């Protein structure tokens, strides 16, 4: 017999009956489609797999605050988290991503670079640190909190700055993730960010003071800041379409970091306890302990049992009839492999390498190190090119040039878009082979000397000028100076 047909309410009209029939057909089609993919099946094996159809912003709203709190806690307490974040900051921004004016007039370029160099020492509002310290701290906040805000602050001409502009770092907490509002024809506010009618960011609604600051009187007032005066640094490259806030980079491995750390700590405590007791002493006369081996009790537990603190090498006293029993502590088989496997997964989930996070190079040779470094460098370059430079470096440079023109520090004809950003130098695995590879690329016409100098974090014109100054100085002293491109040498394929 076929399935019993559902009887529809008698008062439904033809249009409603048709709509219901279409809905039933759609659900049946969806059920058949589910059966085509194992990942969409509702079998007993996958029944506990929870998922939802929420938007990116809805998911961020439900978890951002707790994710940030736990990410910061891991950063404070767990060495894996701290080491991974330190490795990422070092590899992505390092000592600083520096601008090089991309213009033919090198006299003007030197003028702009000198003005930038002087301004970087005054770029921070709340401390004497430089602009590059600001970029390091902003990158760390982006990784730990998922995002960071940097607000531009104009200064008065009499404040003693050649270019009167500074930047103020703001934590993610300063922008209320729960603040949504429909502004009608003027746009809308989504998680503290105001968007115009065409979807462009127009304002940020910051708290006037940090909501978690207990050292000052908290106020619930908000400050409306124009969007072009705010840098919002977050990994938009890995966000969902329409998502407007960032999430901590450790979100996928938070549980793993905590569980591996708890396991490691339990092993450490167990090993400590296994080395505490050296032996026991008994005597037929219990009074002897009062003078020769006094006890140091911690007190009694809820059942009235007296407890003692164990110390390395101690001798435990036993009165006549007493008996001592100790748990036998043994490390479970395969625990080292478990910890190493967990560390590999944690490093991959955060975006760094196992070697950079742990400092463990015991299983690395030249080939594996080069392959791992090549993959990680591609990831770091992507973050620099698609996140750091367009979101933070270029806006800050644009304001520097705009205000610098007004003060006369930057030539009026310079366009702030004519700039190249140079990443800090990363030490090679084998400098000799790296130099030979660079020579081969130049000899084959793939790159120029300028490209290779910039690839290691240098300034081509500054390097050439320094080389000329050294050459002229040595010649004055009667010494010879030869600086030539090294000839191409054969690179050994030895992996070790």
Protein backbone atom coordinates (compact mmCIF):
# COMPACT_ATOMS: atom_id res chain seq x y z
CA UNK A 1 0.00 0.00 0.00
CA UNK A 2 1.20 3.54 -0.62
CA UNK A 3 1.66 6.19 2.04
CA UNK A 4 -1.52 7.69 3.41
CA UNK A 5 -2.23 11.03 1.81
CA UNK A 6 -2.57 13.94 4.24
CA UNK A 7 -6.02 15.50 4.27
CA UNK A 8 -5.82 19.25 3.82
CA UNK A 9 -8.10 21.68 5.69
CA UNK A 10 -11.39 22.17 3.86
CA UNK A 11 -11.14 25.96 3.94
CA UNK A 12 -7.84 26.13 2.00
CA UNK A 13 -8.26 27.71 -1.41
CA UNK A 14 -6.61 26.57 -4.66
CA UNK A 15 -3.63 28.92 -4.30
CA UNK A 16 -2.83 27.75 -0.78
CA UNK A 17 -3.20 24.10 -1.77
CA UNK A 18 -0.82 24.68 -4.68
CA UNK A 19 1.71 26.38 -2.39
CA UNK A 20 1.55 23.47 0.05
CA UNK A 21 2.05 20.95 -2.76
CA UNK A 22 5.12 22.85 -3.98
CA UNK A 23 6.56 22.92 -0.45
CA UNK A 24 6.06 19.15 -0.05
CA UNK A 25 7.74 18.53 -3.40
CA UNK A 26 10.66 20.80 -2.44
CA UNK A 27 11.18 18.96 0.87
CA UNK A 28 11.10 15.62 -0.89
CA UNK A 29 13.71 16.84 -3.37
CA UNK A 30 15.89 18.11 -0.51
CA UNK A 31 15.69 14.73 1.25
CA UNK A 32 16.75 12.93 -1.90
CA UNK A 33 19.63 15.39 -2.38
CA UNK A 34 20.79 14.77 1.19
CA UNK A 35 21.08 11.09 0.46
CA UNK A 36 23.52 11.89 -2.38
CA UNK A 37 26.20 13.19 0.05
CA UNK A 38 27.53 11.26 3.04
CA UNK A 39 28.27 14.51 4.84
CA UNK A 40 24.60 15.52 4.62
CA UNK A 41 23.14 12.21 5.69
CA UNK A 42 21.22 11.80 8.94
CA UNK A 43 22.58 8.38 9.82
CA UNK A 44 23.16 7.32 13.40
CA UNK A 45 26.87 7.84 12.88
CA UNK A 46 26.39 11.55 12.16
CA UNK A 47 23.30 12.24 14.24
CA UNK A 48 25.29 14.03 16.95
CA UNK A 49 26.95 16.33 14.40
CA UNK A 50 25.39 19.73 15.11
CA UNK A 51 25.27 22.37 12.40
CA UNK A 52 23.17 25.41 11.52
CA UNK A 53 22.34 27.75 8.68
CA UNK A 54 23.14 31.00 10.48
CA UNK A 55 24.84 33.87 8.70
CA UNK A 56 28.45 34.75 9.41
CA UNK A 57 27.41 37.74 11.52
CA UNK A 58 24.96 35.64 13.55
CA UNK A 59 27.68 33.11 14.34
CA UNK A 60 30.09 35.89 15.35
CA UNK A 61 27.44 37.49 17.57
CA UNK A 62 26.87 34.25 19.43
CA UNK A 63 30.50 33.39 20.11
CA UNK A 64 32.86 36.35 19.70
CA UNK A 65 33.00 37.53 23.32
CA UNK A 66 33.60 34.06 24.79
CA UNK A 67 36.09 33.16 22.05
CA UNK A 68 38.09 36.31 22.78
CA UNK A 69 38.06 35.70 26.53
CA UNK A 70 39.32 32.15 26.11
CA UNK A 71 41.86 33.13 23.47
CA UNK A 72 43.33 35.76 25.79
CA UNK A 73 43.38 33.28 28.66
CA UNK A 74 45.31 30.79 26.51
CA UNK A 75 47.70 33.56 25.52
CA UNK A 76 48.34 34.34 29.20
CA UNK A 77 48.61 30.80 30.51
CA UNK A 78 49.57 28.34 27.75
CA UNK A 79 53.03 28.30 26.20
CA UNK A 80 51.75 26.78 22.94
CA UNK A 81 49.37 29.65 22.32
CA UNK A 82 51.93 32.30 23.25
CA UNK A 83 54.66 30.71 21.15
CA UNK A 84 52.38 30.30 18.13
CA UNK A 85 51.23 33.93 18.28
CA UNK A 86 54.81 35.13 18.70
CA UNK A 87 55.90 33.09 15.66
CA UNK A 88 53.07 34.49 13.53
CA UNK A 89 53.77 38.12 14.47
CA UNK A 90 57.48 37.62 13.87
CA UNK A 91 56.92 36.07 10.44
CA UNK A 92 54.14 38.36 9.17
CA UNK A 93 55.25 41.83 10.29
CA UNK A 94 58.53 41.24 12.13
CA UNK A 95 60.58 44.38 12.57
CA UNK A 96 58.16 46.30 10.34
CA UNK A 97 56.74 46.49 6.83
CA UNK A 98 58.38 49.57 5.39
CA UNK A 99 57.19 51.86 2.57
CA UNK A 100 59.35 52.78 -0.41
CA UNK A 101 58.08 55.63 -2.61
CA UNK A 102 57.87 54.22 -6.14
CA UNK A 103 58.88 57.33 -8.09
CA UNK A 104 61.69 58.25 -10.48
CA UNK A 105 62.77 61.39 -8.63
CA UNK A 106 65.05 59.90 -5.96
CA UNK A 107 65.60 63.30 -4.36
CA UNK A 108 61.90 63.50 -3.56
CA UNK A 109 61.88 59.84 -2.54
CA UNK A 110 64.66 60.49 -0.01
CA UNK A 111 62.75 63.50 1.34
CA UNK A 112 59.63 61.38 1.86
CA UNK A 113 61.54 58.49 3.45
CA UNK A 114 63.30 60.86 5.85
CA UNK A 115 59.98 62.44 6.86
CA UNK A 116 58.47 58.98 7.42
CA UNK A 117 61.45 57.84 9.47
CA UNK A 118 61.14 60.86 11.76
CA UNK A 119 57.36 60.54 12.07
CA UNK A 120 57.38 56.85 13.03
CA UNK A 121 59.03 57.74 16.36
CA UNK A 122 56.01 59.96 17.24
CA UNK A 123 53.20 57.92 15.70
CA UNK A 124 51.74 56.40 18.89
CA UNK A 125 49.35 58.32 21.14
CA UNK A 126 49.83 56.61 24.49
CA UNK A 127 53.52 55.73 24.60
CA UNK A 128 56.95 56.49 23.21
CA UNK A 129 56.93 53.38 21.03
CA UNK A 130 57.22 53.66 17.26
CA UNK A 131 54.79 53.00 14.43
CA UNK A 132 56.38 49.59 13.94
CA UNK A 133 55.65 48.69 17.55
CA UNK A 134 52.06 49.65 16.83
CA UNK A 135 51.93 47.33 13.82
CA UNK A 136 53.36 44.46 15.90
CA UNK A 137 50.81 44.97 18.65
CA UNK A 138 47.97 45.36 16.16
CA UNK A 139 48.95 42.13 14.41
CA UNK A 140 49.06 40.31 17.75
CA UNK A 141 45.60 41.62 18.65
CA UNK A 142 44.30 40.53 15.26
CA UNK A 143 45.56 36.99 15.90
CA UNK A 144 44.48 36.71 19.55
CA UNK A 145 41.19 38.68 19.41
CA UNK A 146 40.42 38.27 15.73
CA UNK A 147 40.60 41.99 15.06
CA UNK A 148 42.03 45.31 16.16
CA UNK A 149 41.01 48.94 15.64
CA UNK A 150 43.44 51.82 15.18
CA UNK A 151 42.01 55.32 15.37
CA UNK A 152 43.62 58.31 13.72
CA UNK A 153 44.08 61.36 15.97
CA UNK A 154 45.03 64.76 14.57
CA UNK A 155 47.25 66.95 16.72
CA UNK A 156 47.58 70.72 16.97
CA UNK A 157 50.33 72.47 15.02
CA UNK A 158 51.89 73.58 18.30
CA UNK A 159 52.33 70.03 19.64
CA UNK A 160 55.89 69.86 18.31
CA UNK A 161 55.32 67.32 15.55
CA UNK A 162 56.53 67.80 11.98
CA UNK A 163 53.49 65.79 10.80
CA UNK A 164 50.78 66.23 13.49
CA UNK A 165 49.05 62.87 13.29
CA UNK A 166 49.05 59.90 15.67
CA UNK A 167 47.32 56.54 15.95
CA UNK A 168 45.46 55.06 18.93
CA UNK A 169 45.12 51.29 19.36
CA UNK A 170 41.67 50.09 20.43
CA UNK A 171 40.72 46.58 21.50
CA UNK A 172 37.84 44.73 19.89
CA UNK A 173 35.85 45.20 23.13
CA UNK A 174 35.53 48.91 22.33
CA UNK A 175 33.04 48.11 19.55
CA UNK A 176 29.86 46.50 20.88
CA UNK A 177 29.22 43.35 18.86
CA UNK A 178 25.55 43.35 19.95
CA UNK A 179 24.82 46.90 18.74
CA UNK A 180 22.52 46.60 15.70
CA UNK A 181 20.09 49.22 14.43
CA UNK A 182 18.05 49.85 11.29
CA UNK A 183 18.55 53.45 10.10
CA UNK A 184 16.01 53.28 7.31
CA UNK A 185 17.06 55.07 4.13
CA UNK A 186 20.33 56.15 5.77
CA UNK A 187 21.59 52.56 6.12
CA UNK A 188 22.04 50.30 9.13
CA UNK A 189 24.33 49.54 12.06
CA UNK A 190 25.70 46.00 12.21
CA UNK A 191 27.67 44.94 15.29
CA UNK A 192 28.75 48.52 16.00
CA UNK A 193 29.68 49.41 12.40
CA UNK A 194 27.44 51.81 10.47
CA UNK A 195 26.89 51.17 6.78
CA UNK A 196 25.48 53.65 4.27
CA UNK A 197 22.62 52.89 1.87
CA UNK A 198 25.05 51.35 -0.64
CA UNK A 199 26.77 49.09 1.90
CA UNK A 200 29.87 51.21 2.46
CA UNK A 201 31.26 51.67 5.97
CA UNK A 202 30.60 55.20 7.16
CA UNK A 203 31.05 55.25 10.97
CA UNK A 204 32.26 53.18 13.91
CA UNK A 205 30.31 53.48 17.19
CA UNK A 206 32.99 52.97 19.86
CA UNK A 207 32.44 52.91 23.59
CA UNK A 208 33.82 56.04 25.24
CA UNK A 209 35.74 53.83 27.71
CA UNK A 210 36.65 50.16 27.84
CA UNK A 211 33.66 48.16 29.16
CA UNK A 212 35.96 45.86 31.12
CA UNK A 213 38.15 48.53 32.71
CA UNK A 214 37.68 48.43 36.50
CA UNK A 215 40.25 51.13 37.20
CA UNK A 216 38.09 53.97 35.88
CA UNK A 217 34.46 54.98 36.06
CA UNK A 218 32.74 53.16 33.22
CA UNK A 219 30.35 55.10 31.01
CA UNK A 220 27.94 53.57 28.54
CA UNK A 221 28.29 56.49 26.14
CA UNK A 222 29.32 55.82 22.54
CA UNK A 223 31.53 57.90 20.25
CA UNK A 224 30.72 58.06 16.54
CA UNK A 225 33.96 58.05 14.54
CA UNK A 226 34.12 58.45 10.72
CA UNK A 227 35.19 55.26 9.00
CA UNK A 228 38.04 56.91 7.08
CA UNK A 229 39.66 57.76 10.45
CA UNK A 230 39.65 54.13 11.63
CA UNK A 231 41.74 51.15 10.61
CA UNK A 232 39.91 47.85 11.13
CA UNK A 233 42.51 45.10 10.99
CA UNK A 234 41.06 41.59 10.61
CA UNK A 235 41.52 38.55 8.42
CA UNK A 236 38.75 39.24 5.95
CA UNK A 237 40.35 36.84 3.48
CA UNK A 238 39.07 33.87 5.52
CA UNK A 239 35.75 35.36 6.61
CA UNK A 240 32.35 34.48 5.24
CA UNK A 241 30.74 36.82 2.67
CA UNK A 242 28.88 39.56 4.51
CA UNK A 243 30.76 39.03 7.78
CA UNK A 244 31.90 42.33 9.31
CA UNK A 245 33.90 41.30 12.42
CA UNK A 246 36.90 39.04 12.91
CA UNK A 247 37.26 36.00 15.18
CA UNK A 248 40.36 34.74 17.04
CA UNK A 249 42.72 32.67 14.92
CA UNK A 250 42.85 30.01 17.64
CA UNK A 251 39.10 29.35 17.51
CA UNK A 252 39.48 25.96 15.81
CA UNK A 253 42.19 24.67 18.18
CA UNK A 254 41.25 26.20 21.54
CA UNK A 255 39.92 22.91 22.89
CA UNK A 256 42.96 21.03 21.56
CA UNK A 257 45.40 23.46 23.20
CA UNK A 258 43.65 23.15 26.54
CA UNK A 259 43.32 19.35 26.42
CA UNK A 260 46.94 18.78 25.39
CA UNK A 261 48.10 21.20 28.09
CA UNK A 262 45.95 19.50 30.75
CA UNK A 263 47.34 16.09 29.72
CA UNK A 264 50.89 17.39 29.85
CA UNK A 265 50.31 18.99 33.24
CA UNK A 266 48.80 15.78 34.65
CA UNK A 267 51.88 13.86 33.50
CA UNK A 268 54.14 16.43 35.10
CA UNK A 269 52.32 16.24 38.43
CA UNK A 270 52.34 12.43 38.31
CA UNK A 271 56.08 12.35 37.72
CA UNK A 272 56.62 14.78 40.59
CA UNK A 273 54.62 12.60 42.98
CA UNK A 274 56.48 9.47 41.90
CA UNK A 275 59.77 11.02 43.09
CA UNK A 276 58.55 12.42 46.39
CA UNK A 277 58.95 9.49 48.82
CA UNK A 278 62.33 7.88 49.42
CA UNK A 279 61.28 5.41 52.13
CA UNK A 280 59.38 4.70 55.34
CA UNK A 281 60.49 4.40 58.96
CA UNK A 282 58.68 2.29 61.56
CA UNK A 283 59.31 1.83 65.28
CA UNK A 284 57.68 -0.28 68.02
CA UNK A 285 57.72 2.83 70.18
CA UNK A 286 55.45 5.55 68.67
CA UNK A 287 56.81 8.16 71.09
CA UNK A 288 60.20 8.15 69.36
CA UNK A 289 58.76 10.18 66.49
CA UNK A 290 57.93 13.04 68.77
CA UNK A 291 61.64 13.78 69.18
CA UNK A 292 63.48 12.25 66.25
CA UNK A 293 61.12 12.61 63.26
CA UNK A 294 58.44 15.22 63.79
CA UNK A 295 55.53 15.15 61.37
CA UNK A 296 54.39 18.14 59.33
CA UNK A 297 50.67 17.57 58.84
CA UNK A 298 48.59 19.69 56.47
CA UNK A 299 45.47 19.06 58.55
CA UNK A 300 42.56 16.69 58.21
CA UNK A 301 40.16 16.19 55.33
CA UNK A 302 36.35 16.08 55.64
CA UNK A 303 36.50 12.46 56.85
CA UNK A 304 38.99 13.32 59.61
CA UNK A 305 41.96 11.67 57.89
CA UNK A 306 45.22 13.46 58.60
CA UNK A 307 47.04 14.55 55.42
CA UNK A 308 50.73 15.23 54.87
CA UNK A 309 52.62 17.12 52.19
CA UNK A 310 55.17 15.04 50.32
CA UNK A 311 58.56 16.46 49.47
CA UNK A 312 61.40 15.05 47.34
CA UNK A 313 63.54 12.60 49.31
CA UNK A 314 61.41 12.65 52.46
CA UNK A 315 61.11 9.73 54.92
CA UNK A 316 57.54 8.99 55.96
CA UNK A 317 56.95 7.95 59.59
CA UNK A 318 54.67 4.98 60.28
CA UNK A 319 53.33 4.23 63.75
CA UNK A 320 52.87 0.59 64.77
CA UNK A 321 49.99 -0.84 62.81
CA UNK A 322 50.01 1.97 60.18
CA UNK A 323 50.22 1.14 56.52
CA UNK A 324 51.21 3.37 53.59
CA UNK A 325 49.90 2.91 50.05
CA UNK A 326 50.84 4.97 47.01
CA UNK A 327 49.33 5.15 43.55
CA UNK A 328 51.64 3.72 40.94
CA UNK A 329 52.23 6.47 38.40
CA UNK A 330 53.07 5.32 34.89
CA UNK A 331 53.00 7.34 31.69
CA UNK A 332 50.50 5.74 29.29
CA UNK A 333 51.95 4.17 26.17
CA UNK A 334 52.19 6.49 23.16
CA UNK A 335 51.81 9.70 25.15
CA UNK A 336 54.81 11.32 23.45
CA UNK A 337 53.33 10.59 20.03
CA UNK A 338 49.99 11.93 21.24
CA UNK A 339 51.52 15.21 22.39
CA UNK A 340 53.55 15.62 19.18
CA UNK A 341 50.52 14.89 17.03
CA UNK A 342 48.49 17.39 19.03
CA UNK A 343 51.20 20.04 18.63
CA UNK A 344 51.32 19.49 14.85
CA UNK A 345 47.56 19.97 14.62
CA UNK A 346 47.58 23.05 16.84
CA UNK A 347 50.34 24.71 14.81
CA UNK A 348 48.55 23.98 11.54
CA UNK A 349 45.23 25.24 12.92
CA UNK A 350 46.71 28.55 14.05
CA UNK A 351 48.70 29.05 10.85
CA UNK A 352 52.31 28.47 11.84
CA UNK A 353 54.65 25.49 11.72
CA UNK A 354 55.33 22.86 14.38
CA UNK A 355 59.02 23.83 14.42
CA UNK A 356 58.32 27.56 14.87
CA UNK A 357 55.79 26.92 17.63
CA UNK A 358 57.74 24.35 19.64
CA UNK A 359 61.36 25.04 18.65
CA UNK A 360 61.72 21.28 18.07
CA UNK A 361 63.98 20.71 15.04
CA UNK A 362 64.88 17.10 15.84
CA UNK A 363 63.09 15.64 12.81
CA UNK A 364 63.96 18.30 10.24
CA UNK A 365 66.44 18.06 7.38
CA UNK A 366 67.16 20.56 4.63
CA UNK A 367 64.43 19.36 2.25
CA UNK A 368 61.66 19.13 4.82
CA UNK A 369 62.64 22.46 6.36
CA UNK A 370 62.63 24.13 2.96
CA UNK A 371 59.25 22.64 2.03
CA UNK A 372 57.68 23.64 5.33
CA UNK A 373 59.18 27.11 5.19
CA UNK A 374 58.04 27.56 1.57
CA UNK A 375 54.43 26.75 2.45
CA UNK A 376 54.40 28.95 5.53
CA UNK A 377 56.05 31.86 3.71
CA UNK A 378 53.33 31.73 1.06
CA UNK A 379 50.72 32.00 3.83
CA UNK A 380 52.54 34.88 5.54
CA UNK A 381 52.87 36.71 2.24
CA UNK A 382 49.15 36.30 1.57
CA UNK A 383 48.30 37.83 4.95
CA UNK A 384 50.74 40.70 4.38
CA UNK A 385 49.53 41.38 0.83
CA UNK A 386 45.78 40.91 1.31
CA UNK A 387 45.29 41.99 4.94
CA UNK A 388 48.12 43.97 6.59
CA UNK A 389 49.08 46.26 3.71
CA UNK A 390 45.62 47.25 2.37
CA UNK A 391 43.91 47.46 5.75
CA UNK A 392 46.63 49.06 7.90
CA UNK A 393 49.75 50.19 6.03
CA UNK A 394 48.15 51.91 3.04
CA UNK A 395 45.54 53.92 5.03
CA UNK A 396 48.21 55.08 7.50
CA UNK A 397 50.49 56.04 4.61
CA UNK A 398 47.66 57.93 2.93
CA UNK A 399 47.05 60.05 6.04
CA UNK A 400 50.80 60.59 6.49
CA UNK A 401 51.11 61.89 2.92
CA UNK A 402 47.96 64.04 3.15
CA UNK A 403 49.00 65.81 6.35
CA UNK A 404 52.66 65.86 5.27
CA UNK A 405 51.75 67.88 2.19
CA UNK A 406 49.99 70.45 4.37
CA UNK A 407 53.08 70.85 6.56
CA UNK A 408 55.54 70.84 3.66
CA UNK A 409 57.26 67.60 4.66
CA UNK A 410 55.97 65.72 1.60
CA UNK A 411 56.14 67.12 -1.97
CA UNK A 412 52.76 68.30 -3.22
CA UNK A 413 53.04 66.34 -6.47
CA UNK A 414 53.49 62.96 -4.82
CA UNK A 415 50.64 60.42 -5.10
CA UNK A 416 50.30 58.21 -2.01
CA UNK A 417 49.41 55.24 -4.25
CA UNK A 418 52.94 55.27 -5.69
CA UNK A 419 54.51 53.12 -3.00
CA UNK A 420 55.92 49.63 -2.56
CA UNK A 421 55.82 47.82 0.78
CA UNK A 422 58.92 45.88 1.78
CA UNK A 423 58.59 42.98 4.19
CA UNK A 424 61.30 42.33 6.77
CA UNK A 425 64.07 39.91 5.87
CA UNK A 426 63.62 36.26 6.78
CA UNK A 427 66.79 34.30 7.41
CA UNK A 428 67.27 31.56 4.85
CA UNK A 429 67.74 27.89 5.64
CA UNK A 430 71.04 27.81 3.74
CA UNK A 431 72.33 31.33 2.94
CA UNK A 432 74.91 30.03 0.43
CA UNK A 433 72.31 28.17 -1.61
CA UNK A 434 69.86 31.06 -1.34
CA UNK A 435 72.50 33.48 -2.69
CA UNK A 436 73.31 31.11 -5.54
CA UNK A 437 69.60 30.82 -6.40
CA UNK A 438 69.28 34.62 -6.41
CA UNK A 439 72.26 34.88 -8.77
CA UNK A 440 70.70 32.29 -11.06
CA UNK A 441 67.43 34.20 -11.20
CA UNK A 442 69.20 37.45 -12.08
CA UNK A 443 71.41 35.74 -14.67
CA UNK A 444 68.35 34.24 -16.37
CA UNK A 445 66.48 37.55 -16.39
CA UNK A 446 63.74 36.43 -14.01
CA UNK A 447 64.60 39.13 -11.47
CA UNK A 448 66.80 42.20 -11.12
CA UNK A 449 69.23 43.24 -8.42
CA UNK A 450 66.56 45.62 -7.15
CA UNK A 451 64.08 42.74 -6.82
CA UNK A 452 66.55 40.58 -4.91
CA UNK A 453 67.55 43.36 -2.51
CA UNK A 454 63.91 44.13 -1.75
CA UNK A 455 63.16 40.40 -1.36
CA UNK A 456 65.48 40.31 1.65
CA UNK A 457 63.96 43.46 3.14
CA UNK A 458 66.40 46.00 1.75
CA UNK A 459 66.07 49.36 0.01
CA UNK A 460 67.73 49.16 -3.40
CA UNK A 461 68.75 52.83 -3.71
CA UNK A 462 69.88 53.06 -0.08
CA UNK A 463 71.94 49.89 -0.52
CA UNK A 464 73.57 51.18 -3.71
CA UNK A 465 74.31 54.53 -2.09
CA UNK A 466 75.92 52.83 0.92
CA UNK A 467 78.00 50.61 -1.36
CA UNK A 468 79.23 53.66 -3.25
CA UNK A 469 80.12 55.50 -0.04
CA UNK A 470 82.07 52.48 1.22
CA UNK A 471 83.82 52.08 -2.14
CA UNK A 472 84.83 55.75 -2.28
CA UNK A 473 86.05 55.70 1.33
CA UNK A 474 88.16 52.57 0.82
CA UNK A 475 89.68 53.94 -2.38
CA UNK A 476 90.71 57.09 -0.51
CA UNK A 477 92.51 54.83 1.95
CA UNK A 478 94.25 52.97 -0.83
CA UNK A 479 92.13 49.84 -0.52
CA UNK A 480 90.35 47.98 -3.27
CA UNK A 481 86.62 47.36 -3.16
CA UNK A 482 84.93 44.93 -5.56
CA UNK A 483 81.18 44.44 -5.44
CA UNK A 484 79.99 42.23 -8.24
CA UNK A 485 77.07 39.87 -8.69
CA UNK A 486 78.26 36.40 -7.70
CA UNK A 487 78.61 33.93 -10.52
CA UNK A 488 76.10 31.10 -10.72
CA UNK A 489 77.34 28.07 -8.87
CA UNK A 490 76.11 24.51 -8.92
CA UNK A 491 73.76 23.78 -6.00
CA UNK A 492 74.17 20.41 -4.33
CA UNK A 493 71.06 18.26 -4.03
CA UNK A 494 72.19 16.83 -0.71
CA UNK A 495 69.21 16.84 1.62
CA UNK A 496 71.09 16.73 4.84
